[in-house]
Amino acid sequence: MLIMPSVLLQPSKFDPIIDFGLQPVSNRFLPVQSTQSVPHYDLALEVHRDSGLIRLSKPFPVHQIRPIYDWLTVFEPENHLDDLVDMVLALPGITRDSTFGGYSFKDDSTLERLANRGYKNYWRIDPIVDLGVVDKCASVETYQAIFNRTVADQTKQRHGAADVLFVRHVVEHAYDLPNFVSSLKLLTKPSGYIVWELPDCERALTAGDITMVWEEHRYYFTRETFKTFILNQGLQILHFSSIPYALENCIIAITSVAGTNTLTPEPLLANCTQELERAQAFRAVVNTRAARIRSHLNKMHEMQGHLCMFGAGHLAVAFLSILELAHLIAFVVDDNPNKTGMRMPVGGLEVLNSDALYRLDSKTCLLSLNPYNQPKVIAKHQRFIENGGGFMSIFPHSQNDIGVSNE
């Protein structure tokens, strides 16, 4: 028989994978002169033995990961959105009179595309009116903690149920997944659709990419674990794909609320075995990759002195903190004027603009910004290379991957 939602995420069904110990809140930048300390919490992964779904063993407190600056921004991949809108508009029953809903600000660009095509009926959950969130710095970490069936019902009364509800890059943030999904269903008409978008962690898990782990993401889905999860929430899959991107692929799922669950035990068991093996292998691959990187960077530090890093985001924090490499880094480069002059949440490293590449004596710069943008940075700073410097990426499968040692 099928795994029921109440059983699917039962706490006793999770087994530990790897514990990274105390790790900092990665958005907690502090002024250089600040005497405050960055909060740290235990960061560990566990896997559900009946589905292979990976999650944080214990999520960080919401009030701690809530941003304290309004200049912190989030960028999600959007090159596929025009094609996604085409698919949505071709769904059975969708007309000019259909109502489209969005869960968060991450859905604004999709709703804007619909508006540009002449679709007038759309709304998006308002953090102040619908959720009662007045903190302008609050984001999806706060929304998910408040969003429940009561809030969803009240929101539906204000805006009307959606024929199509867009939920882009937020399900992985939800601490209580079954409650999150059931609340989304309330916002959708019985004959309606929920369109999901989320990171595909399969490539990162296979490659041992430690930057995948982020305290703001409670769950780490692959194609199979997300498919299993939403089917067990009583949704029918009409479209399912993984769109390739440089940093992480993007899962797209269009689901029908009124669908019939056709999941059978045999493929569920086979997929679960594969995902469990992937989850357990992640620990070994991470340890192997970490040892290789530490050895390589320590030798470079001995030969060249301190290194630097380009990109002051949560990916850099994860890499430096989990691998315990901050002591090898002299400074972090970022041309975001809000970040320059601040200290990183790890190692107290100062963030400087890119002029520091030429003012300070560092011959190797680790690239921790999105791999899509790394060639642009390298091209822009050819003078750094001409002066004897070099760039190396912290991401597996990227050009100049630091984890591919020439030793």
Protein backbone atom coordinates (compact mmCIF):
# COMPACT_ATOMS: atom_id res chain seq x y z
CA MET A 1 0.00 0.00 0.00
CA LEU A 2 1.04 3.63 -0.43
CA ILE A 3 2.95 5.56 2.19
CA MET A 4 0.55 8.07 3.71
CA PRO A 5 1.66 11.68 4.30
CA SER A 6 1.42 11.32 8.10
CA VAL A 7 3.88 8.43 7.95
CA LEU A 8 6.10 9.76 5.18
CA LEU A 9 7.80 12.35 7.41
CA GLN A 10 7.48 10.63 10.76
CA PRO A 11 10.55 11.73 12.84
CA SER A 12 11.40 8.18 13.91
CA LYS A 13 11.85 7.26 10.25
CA PHE A 14 14.92 9.49 9.75
CA ASP A 15 18.49 8.22 10.03
CA PRO A 16 21.58 10.47 10.39
CA ILE A 17 23.85 11.09 7.41
CA ILE A 18 26.46 13.63 8.49
CA ASP A 19 26.89 16.19 11.27
CA PHE A 20 28.85 19.36 10.49
CA GLY A 21 28.81 20.65 14.06
CA LEU A 22 28.11 24.26 14.97
CA GLN A 23 27.75 26.50 11.93
CA PRO A 24 27.04 30.25 11.61
CA VAL A 25 23.89 31.93 10.35
CA SER A 26 25.15 32.77 6.88
CA ASN A 27 23.28 36.05 6.37
CA ARG A 28 24.61 37.60 9.59
CA PHE A 29 27.06 40.15 8.19
CA LEU A 30 28.37 42.54 10.83
CA PRO A 31 30.01 45.96 10.60
CA VAL A 32 33.80 45.90 10.92
CA GLN A 33 33.66 47.71 14.24
CA SER A 34 30.90 45.51 15.69
CA THR A 35 31.56 43.52 18.86
CA GLN A 36 28.55 41.26 18.33
CA SER A 37 28.97 37.56 17.73
CA VAL A 38 27.34 35.55 14.98
CA PRO A 39 24.86 32.92 16.26
CA HIS A 40 25.84 29.29 15.60
CA TYR A 41 23.67 26.16 15.60
CA ASP A 42 24.24 22.50 14.94
CA LEU A 43 23.98 21.68 11.26
CA ALA A 44 23.34 18.03 10.38
CA LEU A 45 21.61 16.05 7.64
CA GLU A 46 19.36 13.02 7.97
CA VAL A 47 17.54 10.81 5.48
CA HIS A 48 14.05 9.31 5.55
CA ARG A 49 14.48 5.57 5.30
CA ASP A 50 11.18 4.97 3.46
CA SER A 51 11.66 7.59 0.73
CA GLY A 52 15.30 8.75 0.64
CA LEU A 53 14.29 12.36 1.29
CA ILE A 54 17.10 14.37 2.93
CA ARG A 55 16.55 17.19 5.41
CA LEU A 56 18.22 19.15 8.18
CA SER A 57 18.01 17.18 11.42
CA LYS A 58 17.10 20.29 13.37
CA PRO A 59 16.23 23.54 11.59
CA PHE A 60 17.73 26.79 12.80
CA PRO A 61 15.34 29.07 14.76
CA VAL A 62 13.32 31.18 12.34
CA HIS A 63 13.95 34.41 14.24
CA GLN A 64 17.70 33.85 13.88
CA ILE A 65 17.81 33.19 10.15
CA ARG A 66 15.42 36.08 9.41
CA PRO A 67 17.55 38.68 7.59
CA ILE A 68 18.50 41.77 9.55
CA TYR A 69 19.21 43.85 6.43
CA ASP A 70 16.75 44.81 3.69
CA TRP A 71 19.49 44.81 1.06
CA LEU A 72 19.95 41.04 1.10
CA THR A 73 18.53 39.75 -2.17
CA VAL A 74 17.57 36.41 -3.67
CA PHE A 75 17.92 35.53 -7.34
CA GLU A 76 16.28 32.44 -8.81
CA PRO A 77 16.88 31.12 -12.36
CA GLU A 78 14.33 32.47 -14.83
CA ASN A 79 15.46 31.55 -18.34
CA HIS A 80 12.78 28.85 -18.47
CA LEU A 81 9.84 30.98 -17.31
CA ASP A 82 8.49 31.90 -20.75
CA ASP A 83 8.26 28.21 -21.65
CA LEU A 84 6.68 27.44 -18.27
CA VAL A 85 4.00 30.08 -18.82
CA ASP A 86 3.29 28.55 -22.25
CA MET A 87 2.72 25.15 -20.63
CA VAL A 88 0.47 26.61 -17.94
CA LEU A 89 -1.70 28.47 -20.42
CA ALA A 90 -2.15 25.24 -22.40
CA LEU A 91 -3.55 23.35 -19.39
CA PRO A 92 -7.13 22.06 -19.69
CA GLY A 93 -9.68 24.57 -18.46
CA ILE A 94 -7.37 27.60 -18.44
CA THR A 95 -8.94 30.62 -20.12
CA ARG A 96 -8.67 34.40 -20.15
CA ASP A 97 -10.94 34.42 -17.11
CA SER A 98 -8.75 32.09 -15.06
CA THR A 99 -7.27 33.32 -11.80
CA PHE A 100 -3.54 32.97 -11.13
CA GLY A 101 -2.04 33.11 -7.65
CA GLY A 102 1.48 33.44 -6.30
CA TYR A 103 2.85 32.41 -2.92
CA SER A 104 5.69 34.95 -2.58
CA PHE A 105 7.70 37.69 -4.26
CA LYS A 106 9.54 34.92 -6.11
CA ASP A 107 6.40 34.50 -8.22
CA ASP A 108 6.18 38.17 -9.26
CA SER A 109 8.15 37.71 -12.49
CA THR A 110 5.88 34.83 -13.55
CA LEU A 111 2.71 36.79 -12.82
CA GLU A 112 4.20 39.73 -14.69
CA ARG A 113 4.63 37.54 -17.75
CA LEU A 114 0.97 36.59 -17.56
CA ALA A 115 -0.04 40.24 -17.22
CA ASN A 116 2.05 41.11 -20.29
CA ARG A 117 0.08 38.51 -22.22
CA GLY A 118 -3.20 40.11 -21.26
CA TYR A 119 -4.25 37.94 -18.31
CA LYS A 120 -5.84 40.28 -15.78
CA ASN A 121 -6.89 38.03 -12.90
CA TYR A 122 -3.94 37.42 -10.63
CA TRP A 123 -2.89 37.95 -7.03
CA ARG A 124 -0.01 37.20 -4.72
CA ILE A 125 -0.01 36.61 -0.97
CA ASP A 126 0.66 39.94 0.74
CA PRO A 127 3.05 39.54 3.70
CA ILE A 128 1.43 42.38 5.65
CA VAL A 129 -2.26 41.91 4.83
CA ASP A 130 -2.39 38.12 4.54
CA LEU A 131 0.39 36.99 6.89
CA GLY A 132 0.61 39.89 9.32
CA VAL A 133 4.37 40.25 8.71
CA VAL A 134 5.42 43.88 9.11
CA ASP A 135 9.19 43.34 9.24
CA LYS A 136 10.44 44.46 5.82
CA CYS A 137 13.50 42.25 6.18
CA ALA A 138 11.42 39.10 6.70
CA SER A 139 11.35 36.65 3.82
CA VAL A 140 10.17 33.11 3.05
CA GLU A 141 11.70 31.73 6.25
CA THR A 142 9.14 33.81 8.15
CA TYR A 143 6.26 33.27 5.73
CA GLN A 144 6.43 29.48 6.07
CA ALA A 145 6.33 29.68 9.86
CA ILE A 146 3.06 31.63 9.73
CA PHE A 147 1.38 30.07 6.71
CA ASN A 148 -1.15 27.41 7.72
CA ARG A 149 -4.64 26.25 6.82
CA THR A 150 -6.34 29.06 8.75
CA VAL A 151 -4.20 31.71 7.07
CA ALA A 152 -4.74 30.06 3.69
CA ASP A 153 -8.51 30.05 4.15
CA GLN A 154 -8.52 33.73 5.12
CA THR A 155 -6.30 34.55 2.14
CA LYS A 156 -8.69 32.71 -0.17
CA GLN A 157 -11.59 34.75 1.19
CA ARG A 158 -9.73 37.95 0.29
CA HIS A 159 -8.40 37.01 -3.12
CA GLY A 160 -10.46 34.09 -4.34
CA ALA A 161 -9.18 30.58 -5.02
CA ALA A 162 -6.63 30.23 -7.81
CA ASP A 163 -7.04 28.18 -10.94
CA VAL A 164 -3.23 28.05 -10.99
CA LEU A 165 -1.06 28.64 -7.94
CA PHE A 166 2.66 29.28 -8.46
CA VAL A 167 5.05 28.16 -5.73
CA ARG A 168 8.61 28.98 -6.82
CA HIS A 169 11.59 28.06 -4.65
CA VAL A 170 9.87 27.99 -1.26
CA VAL A 171 8.84 24.38 -0.56
CA GLU A 172 12.43 23.53 0.39
CA HIS A 173 12.20 26.21 3.11
CA ALA A 174 9.07 24.75 4.75
CA TYR A 175 9.63 23.31 8.22
CA ASP A 176 6.28 21.46 8.21
CA LEU A 177 5.84 20.05 4.70
CA PRO A 178 2.45 18.32 5.02
CA ASN A 179 0.92 21.46 6.57
CA PHE A 180 2.51 23.59 3.86
CA VAL A 181 1.07 21.49 1.04
CA SER A 182 -2.40 21.13 2.56
CA SER A 183 -2.53 24.92 3.07
CA LEU A 184 -1.57 25.50 -0.57
CA LYS A 185 -4.38 23.18 -1.66
CA LEU A 186 -6.86 25.40 0.19
CA LEU A 187 -5.76 28.33 -1.95
CA THR A 188 -6.42 26.37 -5.14
CA LYS A 189 -9.72 25.49 -6.76
CA PRO A 190 -10.68 21.79 -6.62
CA SER A 191 -10.15 21.66 -10.39
CA GLY A 192 -7.01 23.78 -10.24
CA TYR A 193 -3.26 23.32 -10.52
CA ILE A 194 -0.20 23.94 -8.35
CA VAL A 195 3.02 24.75 -10.19
CA TRP A 196 6.13 23.88 -8.21
CA GLU A 197 9.70 25.00 -8.70
CA LEU A 198 12.63 24.03 -6.48
CA PRO A 199 16.33 23.13 -6.49
CA ASP A 200 17.30 19.71 -7.81
CA CYS A 201 19.98 18.53 -5.38
CA GLU A 202 20.90 15.34 -7.23
CA ARG A 203 24.02 16.75 -8.91
CA ALA A 204 25.31 18.34 -5.70
CA LEU A 205 24.74 15.14 -3.72
CA THR A 206 26.54 13.02 -6.28
CA ALA A 207 29.49 15.43 -6.50
CA GLY A 208 29.80 16.05 -2.74
CA ASP A 209 29.17 19.77 -3.14
CA ILE A 210 29.09 21.05 0.43
CA THR A 211 27.69 24.45 -0.62
CA MET A 212 24.35 22.69 -1.17
CA VAL A 213 23.80 22.68 2.59
CA TRP A 214 22.15 25.92 3.73
CA GLU A 215 20.38 26.52 6.99
CA GLU A 216 17.51 28.24 5.15
CA HIS A 217 16.73 25.02 3.25
CA ARG A 218 15.14 22.40 5.49
CA TYR A 219 14.69 19.83 2.69
CA TYR A 220 17.00 18.67 -0.13
CA PHE A 221 14.96 17.14 -2.92
CA THR A 222 16.03 15.13 -5.91
CA ARG A 223 13.69 14.44 -8.81
CA GLU A 224 12.63 11.12 -7.33
CA THR A 225 12.16 12.24 -3.74
CA PHE A 226 10.07 15.25 -4.76
CA LYS A 227 8.00 13.14 -7.12
CA THR A 228 7.36 10.62 -4.36
CA PHE A 229 6.49 13.33 -1.88
CA ILE A 230 3.94 15.22 -3.98
CA LEU A 231 2.28 12.02 -5.16
CA ASN A 232 1.84 11.03 -1.55
CA GLN A 233 0.21 14.38 -0.92
CA GLY A 234 -2.59 13.37 -3.29
CA LEU A 235 -1.47 15.44 -6.28
CA GLN A 236 -1.33 14.18 -9.85
CA ILE A 237 1.74 15.06 -11.91
CA LEU A 238 0.94 16.51 -15.35
CA HIS A 239 4.44 17.71 -16.15
CA PHE A 240 7.75 16.96 -14.46
CA SER A 241 11.23 18.03 -15.57
CA SER A 242 14.62 19.20 -14.33
CA ILE A 243 15.96 22.27 -16.12
CA PRO A 244 19.77 22.44 -16.30
CA TYR A 245 21.51 25.48 -14.81
CA ALA A 246 25.13 26.18 -13.93
CA LEU A 247 24.80 26.22 -10.14
CA GLU A 248 21.96 23.77 -9.59
CA ASN A 249 19.27 22.30 -11.81
CA CYS A 250 15.70 23.39 -11.30
CA ILE A 251 12.82 20.94 -10.79
CA ILE A 252 9.54 21.95 -12.43
CA ALA A 253 6.34 20.12 -11.55
CA ILE A 254 2.83 20.99 -12.70
CA THR A 255 0.32 19.14 -10.55
CA SER A 256 -3.44 18.74 -10.53
CA VAL A 257 -5.22 19.08 -7.19
CA ALA A 258 -8.04 16.81 -8.32
CA GLY A 259 -5.75 14.15 -9.77
CA THR A 260 -5.73 10.45 -9.06
CA ASN A 261 -2.64 9.04 -7.34
CA THR A 262 -1.22 6.30 -9.56
CA LEU A 263 1.93 5.61 -7.56
CA THR A 264 2.65 1.90 -7.08
CA PRO A 265 4.83 0.21 -4.43
CA GLU A 266 7.33 -1.39 -6.83
CA PRO A 267 8.90 1.74 -8.38
CA LEU A 268 8.59 3.50 -5.02
CA LEU A 269 10.78 0.83 -3.41
CA ALA A 270 13.34 0.87 -6.25
CA ASN A 271 13.59 4.66 -6.24
CA CYS A 272 13.89 4.71 -2.46
CA THR A 273 16.83 2.32 -2.55
CA GLN A 274 18.60 4.49 -5.12
CA GLU A 275 18.04 7.66 -3.10
CA LEU A 276 19.14 6.04 0.16
CA GLU A 277 22.37 4.94 -1.51
CA ARG A 278 22.90 8.44 -2.90
CA ALA A 279 22.32 10.00 0.53
CA GLN A 280 24.76 7.70 2.31
CA ALA A 281 27.35 8.08 -0.47
CA PHE A 282 27.19 11.86 -0.03
CA ARG A 283 29.00 11.58 3.29
CA ALA A 284 31.92 9.66 1.77
CA VAL A 285 32.17 11.92 -1.28
CA VAL A 286 32.07 15.05 0.89
CA ASN A 287 34.84 13.75 3.12
CA THR A 288 37.01 12.78 0.14
CA ARG A 289 36.49 16.10 -1.62
CA ALA A 290 37.03 18.06 1.62
CA ALA A 291 40.34 16.32 2.32
CA ARG A 292 41.56 16.98 -1.21
CA ILE A 293 40.60 20.68 -1.05
CA ARG A 294 42.16 21.21 2.38
CA SER A 295 45.41 19.59 1.29
CA HIS A 296 45.59 21.59 -1.93
CA LEU A 297 44.76 24.95 -0.34
CA ASN A 298 47.13 24.42 2.58
CA LYS A 299 49.98 23.79 0.16
CA MET A 300 49.04 26.86 -1.88
CA HIS A 301 48.96 28.89 1.33
CA GLU A 302 52.43 27.67 2.27
CA MET A 303 53.81 28.64 -1.13
CA GLN A 304 51.90 31.88 -1.81
CA GLY A 305 50.60 33.20 1.49
CA HIS A 306 46.97 34.05 2.15
CA LEU A 307 44.34 33.47 -0.51
CA CYS A 308 41.24 35.55 -1.19
CA MET A 309 37.67 34.75 -2.24
CA PHE A 310 35.29 36.42 -4.71
CA GLY A 311 31.62 36.34 -3.71
CA ALA A 312 30.31 37.12 -0.21
CA GLY A 313 27.22 34.93 -0.06
CA HIS A 314 25.94 31.89 1.78
CA LEU A 315 27.80 29.59 -0.62
CA ALA A 316 31.09 31.11 0.47
CA VAL A 317 30.11 30.84 4.13
CA ALA A 318 29.28 27.13 3.78
CA PHE A 319 32.51 26.38 1.96
CA LEU A 320 34.75 28.24 4.40
CA SER A 321 32.97 27.29 7.61
CA ILE A 322 32.14 23.63 7.04
CA LEU A 323 35.57 22.89 5.57
CA GLU A 324 37.28 25.08 8.22
CA LEU A 325 39.25 27.12 5.69
CA ALA A 326 38.65 30.71 6.81
CA HIS A 327 42.13 30.99 8.33
CA LEU A 328 43.63 30.64 4.84
CA ILE A 329 41.67 33.60 3.45
CA ALA A 330 42.90 37.18 3.79
CA PHE A 331 39.74 38.93 2.53
CA VAL A 332 36.56 38.39 0.53
CA VAL A 333 35.77 40.38 -2.60
CA ASP A 334 32.28 41.58 -3.42
CA ASP A 335 31.24 44.68 -5.35
CA ASN A 336 27.86 44.93 -3.63
CA PRO A 337 28.27 48.30 -1.86
CA ASN A 338 26.09 47.09 1.02
CA LYS A 339 28.51 44.26 1.77
CA THR A 340 31.81 46.08 1.34
CA GLY A 341 33.13 47.22 4.68
CA MET A 342 31.25 44.47 6.50
CA ARG A 343 32.64 41.30 8.03
CA MET A 344 31.65 37.82 6.88
CA PRO A 345 29.71 35.55 9.26
CA VAL A 346 32.68 33.19 9.18
CA GLY A 347 36.20 34.05 10.34
CA GLY A 348 35.45 37.75 10.73
CA LEU A 349 36.76 38.19 7.18
CA GLU A 350 36.41 41.69 5.79
CA VAL A 351 34.51 42.21 2.54
CA LEU A 352 36.28 44.53 0.09
CA ASN A 353 35.51 45.66 -3.43
CA SER A 354 37.35 44.17 -6.39
CA ASP A 355 40.05 46.83 -6.31
CA ALA A 356 41.52 44.77 -3.47
CA LEU A 357 42.64 42.19 -6.04
CA TYR A 358 45.22 44.72 -7.19
CA ARG A 359 45.99 46.54 -3.93
CA LEU A 360 46.60 43.53 -1.71
CA ASP A 361 49.07 40.71 -2.11
CA SER A 362 47.04 37.62 -2.88
CA LYS A 363 47.86 35.41 -5.84
CA THR A 364 44.93 32.97 -5.75
CA CYS A 365 41.28 33.95 -5.70
CA LEU A 366 38.60 31.34 -5.01
CA LEU A 367 35.36 31.96 -6.92
CA SER A 368 32.27 31.40 -4.78
CA LEU A 369 29.73 33.26 -6.89
CA ASN A 370 27.30 31.49 -9.21
CA PRO A 371 29.29 29.47 -11.80
CA TYR A 372 27.22 31.16 -14.53
CA ASN A 373 28.85 34.47 -13.61
CA GLN A 374 32.38 33.20 -13.04
CA PRO A 375 33.59 33.53 -16.66
CA LYS A 376 32.44 37.17 -16.63
CA VAL A 377 34.49 37.88 -13.50
CA ILE A 378 37.56 36.17 -14.95
CA ALA A 379 37.22 38.13 -18.19
CA LYS A 380 36.82 41.40 -16.29
CA HIS A 381 39.90 40.79 -14.17
CA GLN A 382 42.42 39.61 -16.72
CA ARG A 383 44.89 42.10 -15.23
CA PHE A 384 44.87 40.05 -12.02
CA ILE A 385 45.94 37.02 -14.06
CA GLU A 386 48.52 39.03 -16.00
CA ASN A 387 49.99 40.12 -12.65
CA GLY A 388 50.56 36.49 -11.72
CA GLY A 389 47.24 35.74 -10.05
CA GLY A 390 44.80 32.94 -10.72
CA PHE A 391 41.13 32.04 -10.19
CA MET A 392 39.81 28.71 -8.93
CA SER A 393 36.15 27.71 -8.47
CA ILE A 394 34.81 26.14 -5.28
CA PHE A 395 32.13 24.21 -7.18
CA PRO A 396 32.39 20.69 -8.63
CA HIS A 397 32.13 20.47 -12.42
CA SER A 398 33.05 24.16 -12.77
CA GLN A 399 35.98 25.32 -14.83
CA ASN A 400 39.09 25.45 -12.62
CA ASP A 401 37.41 23.41 -9.84
CA ILE A 402 39.62 23.60 -6.75
CA GLY A 403 38.58 20.04 -5.89
CA VAL A 404 40.34 18.72 -9.00
CA SER A 405 43.90 18.66 -7.75
CA ASN A 406 46.91 18.42 -10.00
CA GLU A 407 48.94 16.77 -7.27
